[in-house]
Amino acid sequence: MGETKERLEQIFRDYYQLIYRVAFSQVKNHADAEDITQEVFLKIIRHDMRYQSMEHERAWIVRVTINLCRDLLKSKWHKTSVSMEEVSEAQRGSCENFTEIQDDMMWAVLQLPEKYRNCLYLFYYEDYSIKEIAQSLEMPENTVKTNLKRGRQALKEFLEK
């Protein structure tokens, strides 16, 4: 039990910030991101999986986080709540736990369609390689490259408005 507790504590220290940032990049809401983070850790505890490598563990955690975010975004509750466009600048600055969010570029990335947002976020904010993104999002590397290229173009057009 001691070994398991220590392992869970280490996983929490290693991945809390990553999970929270990925969740926030998807749901764009502090409370929802915290809820998703808790759900991911519950899944980790319940499944107690052993991974081939740290990269595999990290990819699994990112995949679970994104899937939970998608589930939330598809839920009836989420569809009837306030949209991102209605969030004021003052509210955007109130997210102390997510320091990058105060960056205008990050907010622009969050406005992009999911397929571009995920690739750009993982590539630029989490320093994932194209191969790691492809594994995490379960898509071909060429699709990741295309989404990065199109996402950069969409971001450029969005920022020029």
C-alpha atoms as a PDB file:
ATOM      1  CA  MET A   1       0.000   0.000   0.000  1.00  0.00           C
ATOM      2  CA  GLY A   2       2.857   2.405   0.838  1.00  0.00           C
ATOM      3  CA  GLU A   3       4.373   1.933  -2.590  1.00  0.00           C
ATOM      4  CA  THR A   4       1.020   2.579  -4.279  1.00  0.00           C
ATOM      5  CA  LYS A   5       0.426   5.710  -2.201  1.00  0.00           C
ATOM      6  CA  GLU A   6       3.896   7.026  -3.042  1.00  0.00           C
ATOM      7  CA  ARG A   7       3.337   6.233  -6.729  1.00  0.00           C
ATOM      8  CA  LEU A   8       0.002   8.077  -6.746  1.00  0.00           C
ATOM      9  CA  GLU A   9       1.560  11.059  -5.001  1.00  0.00           C
ATOM     10  CA  GLN A  10       4.336  11.108  -7.587  1.00  0.00           C
ATOM     11  CA  ILE A  11       1.825  10.899 -10.457  1.00  0.00           C
ATOM     12  CA  PHE A  12      -0.107  13.777  -8.890  1.00  0.00           C
ATOM     13  CA  ARG A  13       3.042  15.915  -8.610  1.00  0.00           C
ATOM     14  CA  ASP A  14       4.157  15.029 -12.139  1.00  0.00           C
ATOM     15  CA  TYR A  15       0.859  15.470 -13.943  1.00  0.00           C
ATOM     16  CA  TYR A  16      -1.483  17.814 -12.066  1.00  0.00           C
ATOM     17  CA  GLN A  17      -0.436  20.957 -13.934  1.00  0.00           C
ATOM     18  CA  LEU A  18      -0.403  19.189 -17.310  1.00  0.00           C
ATOM     19  CA  ILE A  19      -3.882  17.728 -16.796  1.00  0.00           C
ATOM     20  CA  TYR A  20      -5.285  21.031 -15.596  1.00  0.00           C
ATOM     21  CA  ARG A  21      -3.788  23.002 -18.500  1.00  0.00           C
ATOM     22  CA  VAL A  22      -5.004  20.505 -21.108  1.00  0.00           C
ATOM     23  CA  ALA A  23      -8.464  20.459 -19.521  1.00  0.00           C
ATOM     24  CA  PHE A  24      -8.622  24.241 -19.379  1.00  0.00           C
ATOM     25  CA  SER A  25      -7.523  24.514 -22.997  1.00  0.00           C
ATOM     26  CA  GLN A  26     -10.504  22.340 -23.907  1.00  0.00           C
ATOM     27  CA  VAL A  27     -13.310  23.534 -21.613  1.00  0.00           C
ATOM     28  CA  LYS A  28     -12.137  27.143 -21.124  1.00  0.00           C
ATOM     29  CA  ASN A  29     -13.507  27.232 -17.596  1.00  0.00           C
ATOM     30  CA  HIS A  30     -11.626  27.051 -14.304  1.00  0.00           C
ATOM     31  CA  ALA A  31     -14.231  25.028 -12.382  1.00  0.00           C
ATOM     32  CA  ASP A  32     -14.789  22.540 -15.212  1.00  0.00           C
ATOM     33  CA  ALA A  33     -11.030  22.116 -15.658  1.00  0.00           C
ATOM     34  CA  GLU A  34     -10.676  21.320 -11.954  1.00  0.00           C
ATOM     35  CA  ASP A  35     -13.531  18.794 -12.180  1.00  0.00           C
ATOM     36  CA  ILE A  36     -11.933  17.125 -15.197  1.00  0.00           C
ATOM     37  CA  THR A  37      -8.586  17.024 -13.384  1.00  0.00           C
ATOM     38  CA  GLN A  38     -10.195  15.219 -10.460  1.00  0.00           C
ATOM     39  CA  GLU A  39     -11.914  12.772 -12.816  1.00  0.00           C
ATOM     40  CA  VAL A  40      -8.611  11.960 -14.517  1.00  0.00           C
ATOM     41  CA  PHE A  41      -6.984  11.195 -11.173  1.00  0.00           C
ATOM     42  CA  LEU A  42      -9.943   9.004 -10.213  1.00  0.00           C
ATOM     43  CA  LYS A  43      -9.449   7.042 -13.445  1.00  0.00           C
ATOM     44  CA  ILE A  44      -5.737   6.699 -12.690  1.00  0.00           C
ATOM     45  CA  ILE A  45      -6.506   5.391  -9.191  1.00  0.00           C
ATOM     46  CA  ARG A  46      -9.199   2.980 -10.397  1.00  0.00           C
ATOM     47  CA  HIS A  47      -7.165   1.525 -13.240  1.00  0.00           C
ATOM     48  CA  ASP A  48      -3.710   1.440 -11.584  1.00  0.00           C
ATOM     49  CA  MET A  49      -2.120   0.716 -14.947  1.00  0.00           C
ATOM     50  CA  ARG A  50       1.572   0.128 -15.534  1.00  0.00           C
ATOM     51  CA  TYR A  51       2.951   1.794 -18.634  1.00  0.00           C
ATOM     52  CA  GLN A  52       5.649   0.852 -21.106  1.00  0.00           C
ATOM     53  CA  SER A  53       7.340   4.225 -20.632  1.00  0.00           C
ATOM     54  CA  MET A  54       6.831   7.708 -19.229  1.00  0.00           C
ATOM     55  CA  GLU A  55       5.848   8.876 -22.716  1.00  0.00           C
ATOM     56  CA  HIS A  56       3.164   6.195 -22.919  1.00  0.00           C
ATOM     57  CA  GLU A  57       1.869   7.135 -19.458  1.00  0.00           C
ATOM     58  CA  ARG A  58       1.794  10.830 -20.371  1.00  0.00           C
ATOM     59  CA  ALA A  59       0.048  10.117 -23.685  1.00  0.00           C
ATOM     60  CA  TRP A  60      -2.595   7.999 -21.912  1.00  0.00           C
ATOM     61  CA  ILE A  61      -3.221  10.747 -19.377  1.00  0.00           C
ATOM     62  CA  VAL A  62      -3.580  13.427 -22.072  1.00  0.00           C
ATOM     63  CA  ARG A  63      -5.911  11.152 -24.053  1.00  0.00           C
ATOM     64  CA  VAL A  64      -8.110  10.504 -21.006  1.00  0.00           C
ATOM     65  CA  THR A  65      -8.182  14.230 -20.226  1.00  0.00           C
ATOM     66  CA  ILE A  66      -9.244  15.167 -23.755  1.00  0.00           C
ATOM     67  CA  ASN A  67     -11.895  12.426 -23.816  1.00  0.00           C
ATOM     68  CA  LEU A  68     -13.390  13.586 -20.508  1.00  0.00           C
ATOM     69  CA  CYS A  69     -13.437  17.150 -21.825  1.00  0.00           C
ATOM     70  CA  ARG A  70     -15.241  16.036 -24.965  1.00  0.00           C
ATOM     71  CA  ASP A  71     -17.795  14.178 -22.858  1.00  0.00           C
ATOM     72  CA  LEU A  72     -18.408  17.315 -20.810  1.00  0.00           C
ATOM     73  CA  LEU A  73     -18.680  19.520 -23.886  1.00  0.00           C
ATOM     74  CA  LYS A  74     -21.259  17.147 -25.406  1.00  0.00           C
ATOM     75  CA  SER A  75     -23.348  17.044 -22.231  1.00  0.00           C
ATOM     76  CA  LYS A  76     -26.728  18.737 -22.015  1.00  0.00           C
ATOM     77  CA  TRP A  77     -25.599  20.774 -19.009  1.00  0.00           C
ATOM     78  CA  HIS A  78     -22.711  22.274 -20.930  1.00  0.00           C
ATOM     79  CA  LYS A  79     -24.829  23.075 -23.962  1.00  0.00           C
ATOM     80  CA  THR A  80     -27.158  25.174 -21.816  1.00  0.00           C
ATOM     81  CA  SER A  81     -24.435  27.115 -19.970  1.00  0.00           C
ATOM     82  CA  VAL A  82     -22.697  30.395 -20.884  1.00  0.00           C
ATOM     83  CA  SER A  83     -20.522  30.339 -24.000  1.00  0.00           C
ATOM     84  CA  MET A  84     -16.905  31.491 -24.292  1.00  0.00           C
ATOM     85  CA  GLU A  85     -17.897  34.585 -26.257  1.00  0.00           C
ATOM     86  CA  GLU A  86     -19.822  35.850 -23.228  1.00  0.00           C
ATOM     87  CA  VAL A  87     -16.786  35.722 -20.918  1.00  0.00           C
ATOM     88  CA  SER A  88     -15.485  39.227 -20.204  1.00  0.00           C
ATOM     89  CA  GLU A  89     -11.843  40.283 -20.220  1.00  0.00           C
ATOM     90  CA  ALA A  90     -12.014  40.723 -16.426  1.00  0.00           C
ATOM     91  CA  GLN A  91     -13.162  37.124 -15.980  1.00  0.00           C
ATOM     92  CA  ARG A  92     -10.396  35.866 -18.247  1.00  0.00           C
ATOM     93  CA  GLY A  93      -7.792  37.443 -15.987  1.00  0.00           C
ATOM     94  CA  SER A  94      -9.224  35.714 -12.922  1.00  0.00           C
ATOM     95  CA  CYS A  95      -7.728  32.322 -13.765  1.00  0.00           C
ATOM     96  CA  GLU A  96      -4.686  32.444 -11.472  1.00  0.00           C
ATOM     97  CA  ASN A  97      -3.881  28.741 -11.792  1.00  0.00           C
ATOM     98  CA  PHE A  98      -3.372  28.982 -15.521  1.00  0.00           C
ATOM     99  CA  THR A  99      -0.770  31.680 -16.044  1.00  0.00           C
ATOM    100  CA  GLU A 100      -0.516  31.309 -19.810  1.00  0.00           C
ATOM    101  CA  ILE A 101      -4.205  32.062 -20.174  1.00  0.00           C
ATOM    102  CA  GLN A 102      -3.571  35.759 -19.654  1.00  0.00           C
ATOM    103  CA  ASP A 103      -1.634  35.692 -22.890  1.00  0.00           C
ATOM    104  CA  ASP A 104      -3.737  37.009 -25.793  1.00  0.00           C
ATOM    105  CA  MET A 105      -2.229  34.381 -28.065  1.00  0.00           C
ATOM    106  CA  MET A 106      -3.497  31.600 -25.810  1.00  0.00           C
ATOM    107  CA  TRP A 107      -7.008  33.053 -25.880  1.00  0.00           C
ATOM    108  CA  ALA A 108      -6.816  33.183 -29.654  1.00  0.00           C
ATOM    109  CA  VAL A 109      -5.767  29.512 -29.754  1.00  0.00           C
ATOM    110  CA  LEU A 110      -8.727  28.647 -27.507  1.00  0.00           C
ATOM    111  CA  GLN A 111     -11.083  30.201 -30.069  1.00  0.00           C
ATOM    112  CA  LEU A 112      -9.993  27.820 -32.847  1.00  0.00           C
ATOM    113  CA  PRO A 113     -11.859  24.639 -33.815  1.00  0.00           C
ATOM    114  CA  GLU A 114     -10.961  21.657 -31.627  1.00  0.00           C
ATOM    115  CA  LYS A 115      -8.818  19.810 -34.168  1.00  0.00           C
ATOM    116  CA  TYR A 116      -6.542  22.831 -34.622  1.00  0.00           C
ATOM    117  CA  ARG A 117      -6.667  23.926 -30.980  1.00  0.00           C
ATOM    118  CA  ASN A 118      -5.571  20.513 -29.671  1.00  0.00           C
ATOM    119  CA  CYS A 119      -2.616  20.231 -32.019  1.00  0.00           C
ATOM    120  CA  LEU A 120      -1.436  23.814 -31.538  1.00  0.00           C
ATOM    121  CA  TYR A 121      -1.836  23.670 -27.772  1.00  0.00           C
ATOM    122  CA  LEU A 122       0.048  20.390 -27.357  1.00  0.00           C
ATOM    123  CA  PHE A 123       2.774  21.472 -29.784  1.00  0.00           C
ATOM    124  CA  TYR A 124       3.429  25.011 -28.508  1.00  0.00           C
ATOM    125  CA  TYR A 125       2.289  25.015 -24.892  1.00  0.00           C
ATOM    126  CA  GLU A 126       3.157  21.468 -23.821  1.00  0.00           C
ATOM    127  CA  ASP A 127       6.172  20.967 -26.159  1.00  0.00           C
ATOM    128  CA  TYR A 128       4.879  17.707 -27.630  1.00  0.00           C
ATOM    129  CA  SER A 129       6.481  16.438 -30.804  1.00  0.00           C
ATOM    130  CA  ILE A 130       4.325  15.697 -33.843  1.00  0.00           C
ATOM    131  CA  LYS A 131       4.748  11.988 -33.144  1.00  0.00           C
ATOM    132  CA  GLU A 132       3.616  12.399 -29.513  1.00  0.00           C
ATOM    133  CA  ILE A 133       0.597  14.459 -30.583  1.00  0.00           C
ATOM    134  CA  ALA A 134      -0.355  11.813 -33.121  1.00  0.00           C
ATOM    135  CA  GLN A 135      -0.181   9.108 -30.462  1.00  0.00           C
ATOM    136  CA  SER A 136      -2.084  11.136 -27.882  1.00  0.00           C
ATOM    137  CA  LEU A 137      -4.850  12.167 -30.263  1.00  0.00           C
ATOM    138  CA  GLU A 138      -4.849   8.824 -32.086  1.00  0.00           C
ATOM    139  CA  MET A 139      -4.389  10.281 -35.551  1.00  0.00           C
ATOM    140  CA  PRO A 140      -1.776   9.964 -38.300  1.00  0.00           C
ATOM    141  CA  GLU A 141       1.293  12.202 -38.076  1.00  0.00           C
ATOM    142  CA  ASN A 142       0.465  13.783 -41.438  1.00  0.00           C
ATOM    143  CA  THR A 143      -2.945  14.788 -40.094  1.00  0.00           C
ATOM    144  CA  VAL A 144      -1.228  16.460 -37.133  1.00  0.00           C
ATOM    145  CA  LYS A 145       1.082  18.327 -39.512  1.00  0.00           C
ATOM    146  CA  THR A 146      -1.885  19.434 -41.614  1.00  0.00           C
ATOM    147  CA  ASN A 147      -3.825  20.556 -38.533  1.00  0.00           C
ATOM    148  CA  LEU A 148      -0.808  22.497 -37.278  1.00  0.00           C
ATOM    149  CA  LYS A 149      -0.422  24.239 -40.640  1.00  0.00           C
ATOM    150  CA  ARG A 150      -4.127  25.030 -40.959  1.00  0.00           C
ATOM    151  CA  GLY A 151      -4.336  26.004 -37.303  1.00  0.00           C
ATOM    152  CA  ARG A 152      -1.472  28.475 -37.697  1.00  0.00           C
ATOM    153  CA  GLN A 153      -3.222  29.958 -40.723  1.00  0.00           C
ATOM    154  CA  ALA A 154      -6.556  30.184 -38.877  1.00  0.00           C
ATOM    155  CA  LEU A 155      -4.771  31.764 -35.911  1.00  0.00           C
ATOM    156  CA  LYS A 156      -3.126  34.322 -38.184  1.00  0.00           C
ATOM    157  CA  GLU A 157      -6.478  35.214 -39.745  1.00  0.00           C
ATOM    158  CA  PHE A 158      -8.131  35.395 -36.322  1.00  0.00           C
ATOM    159  CA  LEU A 159      -5.437  37.743 -34.981  1.00  0.00           C
ATOM    160  CA  GLU A 160      -5.635  40.014 -38.045  1.00  0.00           C
ATOM    161  CA  LYS A 161      -9.314  40.764 -37.366  1.00  0.00           C
END
